[in-house]
């Protein structure tokens, strides 16, 4: 069997990087490291160095790496039934849909559409907004919803959008967290000028914008306005879902959602614990029936292996009390980082185990590079913020190890001194 594994080559890290440069499209830049294996909250590179993974594939590996329950479930399902077309159903697909509806507290008539990724889930949700008969969609500045054309239309960042314009029309980006702007978008004057609103699409916590939570009351206001206007409230929980904030969905957190029930929730990332799977959860019969037969589809979405991964991930989160663990360990991480007293660290924001270390200067890339050299993986998500989205299995001791790095990290005032 070993002769069939083409990755079993005796290459140095530099050799692998050179091979990457020759064979992989240059959309991400050169890899920072060549990672070869993982276990729990740790990964190892091609030179044998160990790293504490505080990024988890950007909030994906909620069970860490090589979790025995997840790997056993995927292996067992692949050895039984790996893929069928969506002309057929499978027990794993059906059971995962039922579980997601249960976890969301879905009302009667709710349904699930499975995808392969977050951007595909948001693409499907965007198509659902068109089925309302309206074309005007509200999104927020700083929002990130994916890279396919529809999801990109919802995404705000000009550097992502401009190379691919014209994008699907009708999307208006409102200032982040601005309740006056939100109310004005639904006003009679706005409706007379630009038409009725089809949907409001938001992330409860903006991940790519620097882990920014919507202010208290914003989602509740959005729910009142969309309900009164007959519009959809769509929550992108690709990054915040599946226990990341300490609840199955961020909208279930009182300080975030305020008791709102959205019409549509999109999921991916943590849903499969590292295996590609996404979902659109339509809450209520109206949202669940917007896409009819033949109006949308996918080849791999909801395949038996992906569904088995999702069920295993949910099972471990429940069995190991990871919903409670996320805020507990997140609190340890927050407090320890602040207790370090580093003047470069201004604060820590976020919920559960989706956090950002706020920096006193715009040196996040330098801090992330220093962390990598020290054996810790983080992400420079904004010029002055470093994102932490570790596995939900992170221990308090591992959190304290990370905090020690932030207590001691320094970056020269003058870049030429670096």
Protein backbone atom coordinates (compact mmCIF):
# COMPACT_ATOMS: atom_id res chain seq x y z
CA UNK A 1 0.00 0.00 0.00
CA UNK A 2 2.80 2.46 0.83
CA UNK A 3 3.91 2.68 -2.79
CA UNK A 4 0.49 4.20 -3.61
CA UNK A 5 0.95 7.12 -1.21
CA UNK A 6 2.57 9.75 -3.39
CA UNK A 7 3.16 12.11 -0.44
CA UNK A 8 5.67 9.69 1.10
CA UNK A 9 8.64 11.49 -0.43
CA UNK A 10 11.88 12.33 1.32
CA UNK A 11 11.71 16.10 0.84
CA UNK A 12 12.87 18.87 3.14
CA UNK A 13 10.53 21.69 4.07
CA UNK A 14 12.21 23.81 1.41
CA UNK A 15 11.69 21.02 -1.11
CA UNK A 16 8.00 20.80 -0.33
CA UNK A 17 7.67 24.58 -0.61
CA UNK A 18 9.37 24.53 -3.99
CA UNK A 19 7.03 21.76 -5.14
CA UNK A 20 4.06 23.78 -3.89
CA UNK A 21 5.21 26.82 -5.86
CA UNK A 22 5.52 24.74 -9.04
CA UNK A 23 2.18 22.95 -8.79
CA UNK A 24 -0.36 24.98 -6.76
CA UNK A 25 -1.99 28.18 -8.04
CA UNK A 26 -0.62 31.28 -6.34
CA UNK A 27 -3.84 32.40 -4.66
CA UNK A 28 -2.60 32.16 -1.06
CA UNK A 29 1.08 33.01 -1.41
CA UNK A 30 3.83 30.67 -0.25
CA UNK A 31 2.89 28.37 2.65
CA UNK A 32 4.16 29.57 6.02
CA UNK A 33 5.03 25.98 6.96
CA UNK A 34 4.55 22.51 5.52
CA UNK A 35 2.41 20.67 8.08
CA UNK A 36 2.54 16.88 8.08
CA UNK A 37 0.48 15.64 11.04
CA UNK A 38 -1.62 16.69 14.00
CA UNK A 39 -2.94 15.43 17.28
CA UNK A 40 -5.40 17.25 19.51
CA UNK A 41 -4.53 20.94 19.61
CA UNK A 42 -1.05 20.40 18.13
CA UNK A 43 0.38 20.07 14.61
CA UNK A 44 3.90 19.23 13.42
CA UNK A 45 5.74 20.56 10.39
CA UNK A 46 8.01 18.78 7.92
CA UNK A 47 11.04 19.54 10.09
CA UNK A 48 9.47 17.97 13.18
CA UNK A 49 8.65 21.22 15.01
CA UNK A 50 5.46 21.21 17.10
CA UNK A 51 2.92 24.07 17.10
CA UNK A 52 -0.02 24.84 19.35
CA UNK A 53 -2.81 25.40 16.83
CA UNK A 54 -4.87 28.38 17.97
CA UNK A 55 -6.46 28.79 14.53
CA UNK A 56 -7.82 25.26 13.91
CA UNK A 57 -7.99 25.69 10.16
CA UNK A 58 -9.87 28.99 10.77
CA UNK A 59 -12.46 27.70 13.24
CA UNK A 60 -12.82 24.35 11.46
CA UNK A 61 -11.16 21.65 13.56
CA UNK A 62 -13.41 21.96 16.59
CA UNK A 63 -12.32 18.51 17.83
CA UNK A 64 -8.67 19.18 17.16
CA UNK A 65 -6.62 16.98 14.86
CA UNK A 66 -6.94 13.24 14.33
CA UNK A 67 -9.77 12.87 16.81
CA UNK A 68 -10.35 9.12 17.20
CA UNK A 69 -14.16 9.29 17.17
CA UNK A 70 -14.25 11.44 14.04
CA UNK A 71 -11.65 9.42 12.15
CA UNK A 72 -13.40 6.16 13.07
CA UNK A 73 -16.79 7.47 11.90
CA UNK A 74 -15.41 8.71 8.58
CA UNK A 75 -13.46 5.50 7.97
CA UNK A 76 -16.41 3.28 8.84
CA UNK A 77 -18.79 5.19 6.58
CA UNK A 78 -16.34 5.28 3.68
CA UNK A 79 -15.94 1.53 4.04
CA UNK A 80 -19.71 1.06 3.84
CA UNK A 81 -21.10 3.68 1.46
CA UNK A 82 -18.96 6.58 0.33
CA UNK A 83 -21.07 8.51 -2.15
CA UNK A 84 -24.42 8.38 -3.90
CA UNK A 85 -26.17 10.98 -6.01
CA UNK A 86 -28.92 13.12 -4.56
CA UNK A 87 -31.43 10.99 -6.45
CA UNK A 88 -31.16 8.91 -3.29
CA UNK A 89 -31.22 9.53 0.43
CA UNK A 90 -29.02 7.96 3.08
CA UNK A 91 -29.57 7.42 6.80
CA UNK A 92 -26.61 9.63 7.73
CA UNK A 93 -27.85 12.54 5.60
CA UNK A 94 -31.37 12.34 7.00
CA UNK A 95 -30.19 11.96 10.59
CA UNK A 96 -27.82 14.92 10.35
CA UNK A 97 -30.62 17.11 8.97
CA UNK A 98 -32.86 16.06 11.86
CA UNK A 99 -30.11 16.77 14.40
CA UNK A 100 -29.42 20.26 13.02
CA UNK A 101 -33.11 21.15 13.14
CA UNK A 102 -33.26 19.87 16.71
CA UNK A 103 -30.20 21.85 17.79
CA UNK A 104 -31.58 25.02 16.18
CA UNK A 105 -34.93 24.64 17.94
CA UNK A 106 -36.54 24.69 14.52
CA UNK A 107 -40.31 25.13 14.20
CA UNK A 108 -42.53 22.77 12.24
CA UNK A 109 -41.89 22.82 8.50
CA UNK A 110 -38.18 23.67 8.78
CA UNK A 111 -35.70 21.96 6.44
CA UNK A 112 -31.98 21.66 5.64
CA UNK A 113 -30.01 21.91 2.38
CA UNK A 114 -26.50 20.46 2.50
CA UNK A 115 -23.48 21.96 0.78
CA UNK A 116 -19.71 21.41 0.75
CA UNK A 117 -18.58 24.73 2.20
CA UNK A 118 -19.60 28.01 3.75
CA UNK A 119 -19.48 29.99 0.55
CA UNK A 120 -21.80 27.45 -1.09
CA UNK A 121 -24.19 27.69 1.84
CA UNK A 122 -24.27 31.47 1.48
CA UNK A 123 -24.66 31.16 -2.29
CA UNK A 124 -27.74 29.02 -1.71
CA UNK A 125 -29.08 31.51 0.83
CA UNK A 126 -28.57 34.33 -1.68
CA UNK A 127 -30.59 32.38 -4.24
CA UNK A 128 -33.31 31.97 -1.62
CA UNK A 129 -33.55 35.75 -1.29
CA UNK A 130 -34.26 36.00 -5.02
CA UNK A 131 -37.15 33.56 -4.63
CA UNK A 132 -38.96 36.10 -2.44
CA UNK A 133 -39.70 38.06 -5.61
CA UNK A 134 -37.55 40.92 -4.37
CA UNK A 135 -33.94 41.74 -5.27
CA UNK A 136 -32.83 44.21 -2.60
CA UNK A 137 -30.51 42.62 -0.02
CA UNK A 138 -28.90 44.34 2.95
CA UNK A 139 -25.47 43.28 4.24
CA UNK A 140 -22.91 44.94 6.47
CA UNK A 141 -19.61 46.69 5.98
CA UNK A 142 -16.84 44.40 7.13
CA UNK A 143 -18.90 41.32 6.33
CA UNK A 144 -17.32 38.27 4.73
CA UNK A 145 -19.58 35.62 3.21
CA UNK A 146 -17.38 33.81 0.70
CA UNK A 147 -15.73 33.99 -2.71
CA UNK A 148 -18.29 32.61 -5.19
CA UNK A 149 -20.04 35.32 -7.17
CA UNK A 150 -23.22 35.53 -5.13
CA UNK A 151 -21.47 35.22 -1.78
CA UNK A 152 -18.89 37.74 -2.97
CA UNK A 153 -21.67 40.21 -3.75
CA UNK A 154 -22.63 40.01 -0.08
CA UNK A 155 -19.00 40.42 1.02
CA UNK A 156 -17.91 43.99 1.60
CA UNK A 157 -14.11 44.10 1.17
CA UNK A 158 -13.31 45.99 -2.08
CA UNK A 159 -10.06 44.08 -2.68
CA UNK A 160 -12.07 40.85 -2.91
CA UNK A 161 -14.90 42.32 -4.98
CA UNK A 162 -13.34 44.67 -7.51
CA UNK A 163 -11.40 42.14 -9.66
CA UNK A 164 -14.66 40.30 -10.39
CA UNK A 165 -17.18 43.08 -10.91
CA UNK A 166 -19.88 43.35 -12.09
CA UNK A 167 -21.25 41.13 -9.34
CA UNK A 168 -24.91 40.18 -8.88
CA UNK A 169 -26.75 43.39 -8.10
CA UNK A 170 -29.14 44.56 -5.45
CA UNK A 171 -26.82 44.33 -2.43
CA UNK A 172 -26.46 47.38 -0.17
CA UNK A 173 -23.77 47.45 2.53
CA UNK A 174 -24.78 49.25 5.71
CA UNK A 175 -22.34 50.63 8.32
CA UNK A 176 -21.49 47.94 10.86
CA UNK A 177 -23.69 47.99 13.95
CA UNK A 178 -25.40 51.26 13.00
CA UNK A 179 -29.03 50.92 14.09
CA UNK A 180 -30.04 54.26 12.58
CA UNK A 181 -28.76 53.13 9.16
CA UNK A 182 -30.57 49.83 9.55
CA UNK A 183 -33.89 51.53 10.32
CA UNK A 184 -33.37 53.98 7.46
CA UNK A 185 -32.88 51.09 5.00
CA UNK A 186 -36.44 49.94 5.77
CA UNK A 187 -37.98 53.43 5.76
CA UNK A 188 -40.77 54.34 3.32
CA UNK A 189 -38.39 56.68 1.48
CA UNK A 190 -35.80 53.90 0.98
CA UNK A 191 -38.49 51.47 -0.17
CA UNK A 192 -39.93 54.03 -2.59
CA UNK A 193 -36.47 54.71 -4.04
CA UNK A 194 -34.93 51.22 -4.07
CA UNK A 195 -37.72 48.74 -3.50
CA UNK A 196 -38.77 46.36 -0.75
CA UNK A 197 -36.05 44.53 1.18
CA UNK A 198 -35.70 40.83 0.37
CA UNK A 199 -33.32 39.99 3.20
CA UNK A 200 -30.89 41.22 5.81
CA UNK A 201 -27.75 39.04 5.78
CA UNK A 202 -25.33 39.37 8.71
CA UNK A 203 -22.73 37.52 10.75
CA UNK A 204 -23.54 37.63 14.48
CA UNK A 205 -19.78 38.03 14.99
CA UNK A 206 -17.72 39.24 12.05
CA UNK A 207 -14.70 36.95 11.92
CA UNK A 208 -12.66 38.27 9.00
CA UNK A 209 -13.21 41.87 10.08
CA UNK A 210 -11.41 41.26 13.35
CA UNK A 211 -13.87 39.28 15.52
CA UNK A 212 -16.42 42.07 15.91
CA UNK A 213 -19.70 41.14 17.60
CA UNK A 214 -22.82 43.06 16.64
CA UNK A 215 -23.84 45.45 19.43
CA UNK A 216 -26.55 44.27 21.85
CA UNK A 217 -30.01 44.73 20.40
CA UNK A 218 -28.91 44.92 16.76
CA UNK A 219 -30.17 41.46 15.79
CA UNK A 220 -33.40 42.00 17.71
CA UNK A 221 -33.97 45.21 15.76
CA UNK A 222 -33.12 43.41 12.52
CA UNK A 223 -35.66 40.73 13.37
CA UNK A 224 -38.41 43.28 14.08
CA UNK A 225 -37.72 45.21 10.88
CA UNK A 226 -37.48 42.16 8.62
CA UNK A 227 -40.63 40.62 10.09
CA UNK A 228 -42.59 43.85 9.60
CA UNK A 229 -41.35 44.14 6.01
CA UNK A 230 -41.89 40.49 5.09
CA UNK A 231 -38.15 40.12 4.54
CA UNK A 232 -35.80 37.30 5.53
CA UNK A 233 -33.29 37.47 8.37
CA UNK A 234 -30.30 35.41 7.25
CA UNK A 235 -27.51 34.69 9.74
CA UNK A 236 -24.13 33.58 8.46
CA UNK A 237 -22.91 31.28 11.23
CA UNK A 238 -20.25 29.59 9.13
CA UNK A 239 -17.61 30.67 11.64
CA UNK A 240 -19.67 31.11 14.80
CA UNK A 241 -21.77 27.95 14.62
CA UNK A 242 -21.26 24.50 16.15
CA UNK A 243 -20.24 25.56 19.62
CA UNK A 244 -17.63 28.18 18.81
CA UNK A 245 -19.21 30.83 21.06
CA UNK A 246 -20.46 28.40 23.72
CA UNK A 247 -23.83 27.62 22.12
CA UNK A 248 -24.69 25.55 19.08
CA UNK A 249 -25.49 28.79 17.24
CA UNK A 250 -24.38 32.28 18.18
CA UNK A 251 -27.94 33.59 17.85
CA UNK A 252 -28.81 31.36 20.83
CA UNK A 253 -26.45 33.37 23.05
CA UNK A 254 -28.59 35.95 24.91
CA UNK A 255 -25.89 38.64 24.70
CA UNK A 256 -25.63 38.17 20.93
CA UNK A 257 -29.03 37.12 19.64
CA UNK A 258 -31.32 38.49 22.31
CA UNK A 259 -33.77 35.64 21.71
CA UNK A 260 -34.22 36.17 17.98
CA UNK A 261 -35.15 33.32 15.67
CA UNK A 262 -33.78 33.89 12.14
CA UNK A 263 -35.33 32.61 8.93
CA UNK A 264 -32.12 31.12 7.55
CA UNK A 265 -28.84 30.06 9.14
CA UNK A 266 -25.78 29.04 7.12
CA UNK A 267 -23.19 26.64 8.54
CA UNK A 268 -19.90 25.00 7.57
CA UNK A 269 -16.39 25.06 9.09
CA UNK A 270 -16.87 23.34 12.47
CA UNK A 271 -19.83 21.25 11.32
CA UNK A 272 -17.62 18.44 9.98
CA UNK A 273 -14.74 18.80 12.41
CA UNK A 274 -12.35 19.13 9.48
CA UNK A 275 -14.27 17.21 6.83
CA UNK A 276 -15.82 19.50 4.17
CA UNK A 277 -19.55 19.96 4.83
CA UNK A 278 -21.88 22.92 4.98
CA UNK A 279 -25.60 23.45 5.47
CA UNK A 280 -28.43 25.90 5.02
CA UNK A 281 -30.95 25.61 7.84
CA UNK A 282 -34.30 27.13 6.86
CA UNK A 283 -36.38 27.83 9.96
CA UNK A 284 -40.09 27.73 9.21
CA UNK A 285 -42.13 26.63 6.23
CA UNK A 286 -41.85 29.89 4.31
CA UNK A 287 -38.04 29.81 4.16
CA UNK A 288 -37.93 26.03 3.72
CA UNK A 289 -40.03 26.14 0.55
CA UNK A 290 -38.32 29.02 -1.26
CA UNK A 291 -36.13 26.68 -3.30
CA UNK A 292 -38.19 24.15 -5.20
CA UNK A 293 -37.37 21.05 -7.20
CA UNK A 294 -34.73 21.69 -9.84
CA UNK A 295 -33.96 25.23 -8.61
CA UNK A 296 -30.74 24.36 -6.80
CA UNK A 297 -28.47 21.38 -6.39
CA UNK A 298 -25.06 19.97 -5.51
CA UNK A 299 -23.16 16.79 -6.31
CA UNK A 300 -21.36 16.17 -3.03
CA UNK A 301 -23.49 18.09 -0.52
CA UNK A 302 -24.80 15.81 2.22
CA UNK A 303 -22.92 12.76 1.00
CA UNK A 304 -22.78 9.88 3.50
CA UNK A 305 -19.18 10.48 4.61
CA UNK A 306 -19.66 14.22 5.20
CA UNK A 307 -22.88 13.54 7.08
CA UNK A 308 -21.15 10.90 9.22
CA UNK A 309 -18.45 13.46 10.05
CA UNK A 310 -21.10 15.97 11.06
CA UNK A 311 -22.91 13.47 13.28
CA UNK A 312 -19.66 12.38 14.93
CA UNK A 313 -18.67 15.99 15.58
CA UNK A 314 -22.02 16.81 17.17
CA UNK A 315 -21.81 13.64 19.24
CA UNK A 316 -18.38 14.47 20.66
CA UNK A 317 -19.36 18.08 21.40
CA UNK A 318 -22.30 16.75 23.43
CA UNK A 319 -20.45 13.87 25.09
CA UNK A 320 -17.45 15.95 26.15
CA UNK A 321 -19.44 19.06 27.19
CA UNK A 322 -17.57 21.24 24.73
CA UNK A 323 -20.34 23.87 24.66
CA UNK A 324 -19.55 24.63 28.29
CA UNK A 325 -15.82 24.23 27.79
CA UNK A 326 -15.56 26.89 25.07
CA UNK A 327 -16.49 29.84 27.32
CA UNK A 328 -14.64 28.36 30.29
CA UNK A 329 -11.33 27.99 28.46
CA UNK A 330 -11.99 31.20 26.54
CA UNK A 331 -12.24 33.04 29.87
CA UNK A 332 -8.96 31.51 31.03
CA UNK A 333 -7.30 32.60 27.79
CA UNK A 334 -8.70 36.14 27.97
CA UNK A 335 -7.77 36.70 31.59
CA UNK A 336 -4.29 35.22 31.27
CA UNK A 337 -3.47 37.33 28.21
CA UNK A 338 -4.57 40.51 29.97
CA UNK A 339 -2.79 39.51 33.19
CA UNK A 340 0.47 39.35 31.22
CA UNK A 341 0.59 43.13 31.33
CA UNK A 342 2.17 43.56 27.90
CA UNK A 343 1.69 47.21 26.81
CA UNK A 344 1.39 45.97 23.24
CA UNK A 345 -1.83 44.14 24.18
CA UNK A 346 -4.75 46.55 24.49
CA UNK A 347 -7.54 44.03 25.10
CA UNK A 348 -9.22 40.78 24.10
CA UNK A 349 -12.65 40.72 22.47
CA UNK A 350 -15.00 38.02 21.24
CA UNK A 351 -17.09 35.17 22.60
CA UNK A 352 -16.22 31.66 23.70
CA UNK A 353 -13.25 30.45 21.68
CA UNK A 354 -13.59 33.00 18.89
CA UNK A 355 -11.37 35.82 20.13
CA UNK A 356 -9.20 38.64 18.91
CA UNK A 357 -6.20 40.03 20.75
CA UNK A 358 -6.37 43.79 20.28
CA UNK A 359 -2.98 45.42 19.75
CA UNK A 360 -1.89 48.93 20.62
CA UNK A 361 -0.23 49.33 17.20
CA UNK A 362 -0.96 47.99 13.68
CA UNK A 363 1.62 45.19 13.94
CA UNK A 364 -0.57 42.08 13.78
CA UNK A 365 1.41 40.45 10.93
CA UNK A 366 4.64 40.80 12.91
CA UNK A 367 2.99 39.35 16.03
CA UNK A 368 1.59 36.41 14.06
CA UNK A 369 5.03 35.73 12.57
CA UNK A 370 6.64 35.86 16.00
CA UNK A 371 4.01 33.47 17.31
CA UNK A 372 4.75 31.00 14.54
CA UNK A 373 8.45 31.14 15.32
CA UNK A 374 7.53 30.46 18.96
CA UNK A 375 5.43 27.43 18.01
CA UNK A 376 1.96 28.98 18.12
CA UNK A 377 -0.41 29.37 15.16
CA UNK A 378 -2.57 32.51 15.15
CA UNK A 379 -3.93 34.76 12.41
CA UNK A 380 -3.40 38.47 11.72
CA UNK A 381 -7.04 39.19 10.95
CA UNK A 382 -6.73 43.00 11.03
CA UNK A 383 -3.77 45.39 11.20
CA UNK A 384 -4.22 45.70 14.96
CA UNK A 385 -5.88 42.38 15.83
CA UNK A 386 -4.79 38.74 16.00
CA UNK A 387 -7.52 36.10 15.73
CA UNK A 388 -7.69 33.05 17.98
CA UNK A 389 -10.10 30.28 16.97
CA UNK A 390 -8.58 27.16 18.58
CA UNK A 391 -10.10 23.69 18.79
CA UNK A 392 -12.87 23.41 21.36
CA UNK A 393 -10.77 20.67 22.99
CA UNK A 394 -8.11 23.23 23.97
CA UNK A 395 -7.16 22.77 27.62
CA UNK A 396 -6.68 25.46 30.24
CA UNK A 397 -2.97 24.60 30.43
CA UNK A 398 -2.60 25.04 26.69
CA UNK A 399 -4.43 28.37 26.95
CA UNK A 400 -1.93 29.48 29.60
CA UNK A 401 0.95 28.47 27.31
CA UNK A 402 -0.48 30.73 24.63
CA UNK A 403 -0.96 33.57 27.09
CA UNK A 404 2.72 33.41 28.05
CA UNK A 405 3.62 34.20 24.46
CA UNK A 406 1.42 37.31 24.43
CA UNK A 407 2.89 38.42 27.75
CA UNK A 408 6.38 38.50 26.28
CA UNK A 409 5.99 39.34 22.60
CA UNK A 410 7.56 42.60 21.46
CA UNK A 411 7.65 44.37 18.11
CA UNK A 412 10.09 47.23 17.42
CA UNK A 413 8.57 50.69 17.10
CA UNK A 414 10.74 51.23 14.02
CA UNK A 415 10.29 48.46 11.40
CA UNK A 416 13.93 48.92 10.38
CA UNK A 417 14.96 47.67 13.83
CA UNK A 418 13.25 44.31 13.24
